[in-house]
Amino acid sequence: MMCHNQFSRYLVFGLKILQSI
């Protein structure tokens, strides 16, 4: 489950970058 939490963080980070563009 811990790995899932890390993956979620990466997803949020990617979404933020996409919005920034």
N, C-alpha and C. Protein backbone atom coordinates (compact mmCIF):
# COMPACT_ATOMS: atom_id res chain seq x y z
N MET A 1 0.85 -1.22 0.00
CA MET A 1 0.00 0.00 0.00
C MET A 1 0.88 1.26 0.00
N MET A 2 2.02 1.16 0.65
CA MET A 2 2.90 2.33 0.71
C MET A 2 3.29 2.78 -0.70
N CYS A 3 3.57 1.78 -1.56
CA CYS A 3 3.97 2.11 -2.94
C CYS A 3 2.85 2.88 -3.62
N HIS A 4 1.61 2.49 -3.33
CA HIS A 4 0.46 3.17 -3.97
C HIS A 4 0.44 4.64 -3.59
N ASN A 5 0.77 4.93 -2.33
CA ASN A 5 0.77 6.32 -1.87
C ASN A 5 1.79 7.13 -2.66
N GLN A 6 2.97 6.54 -2.88
CA GLN A 6 4.01 7.26 -3.62
C GLN A 6 3.54 7.50 -5.05
N PHE A 7 2.92 6.50 -5.65
CA PHE A 7 2.45 6.63 -7.04
C PHE A 7 1.43 7.77 -7.13
N SER A 8 0.56 7.86 -6.14
CA SER A 8 -0.46 8.91 -6.14
C SER A 8 0.21 10.28 -6.12
N ARG A 9 1.29 10.40 -5.35
CA ARG A 9 1.99 11.70 -5.27
C ARG A 9 2.55 12.06 -6.64
N TYR A 10 3.12 11.07 -7.31
CA TYR A 10 3.69 11.35 -8.63
C TYR A 10 2.60 11.78 -9.59
N LEU A 11 1.42 11.15 -9.48
CA LEU A 11 0.30 11.49 -10.36
C LEU A 11 -0.10 12.95 -10.14
N VAL A 12 -0.22 13.34 -8.89
CA VAL A 12 -0.61 14.72 -8.57
C VAL A 12 0.43 15.69 -9.10
N PHE A 13 1.71 15.32 -8.93
CA PHE A 13 2.79 16.19 -9.41
C PHE A 13 2.70 16.37 -10.93
N GLY A 14 2.46 15.26 -11.63
CA GLY A 14 2.34 15.31 -13.09
C GLY A 14 1.16 16.18 -13.50
N LEU A 15 0.05 16.04 -12.80
CA LEU A 15 -1.14 16.84 -13.14
C LEU A 15 -0.83 18.32 -12.96
N LYS A 16 -0.13 18.67 -11.91
CA LYS A 16 0.22 20.07 -11.66
C LYS A 16 1.07 20.60 -12.80
N ILE A 17 2.03 19.80 -13.25
CA ILE A 17 2.91 20.24 -14.35
C ILE A 17 2.07 20.47 -15.60
N LEU A 18 1.15 19.53 -15.87
CA LEU A 18 0.31 19.67 -17.07
C LEU A 18 -0.49 20.95 -16.99
N GLN A 19 -1.03 21.26 -15.82
CA GLN A 19 -1.83 22.48 -15.67
C GLN A 19 -0.95 23.71 -15.85
N SER A 20 0.31 23.62 -15.42
CA SER A 20 1.22 24.76 -15.52
C SER A 20 1.48 25.12 -16.98
N ILE A 21 1.54 24.09 -17.83
CA ILE A 21 1.84 24.34 -19.24
C ILE A 21 0.71 25.15 -19.87
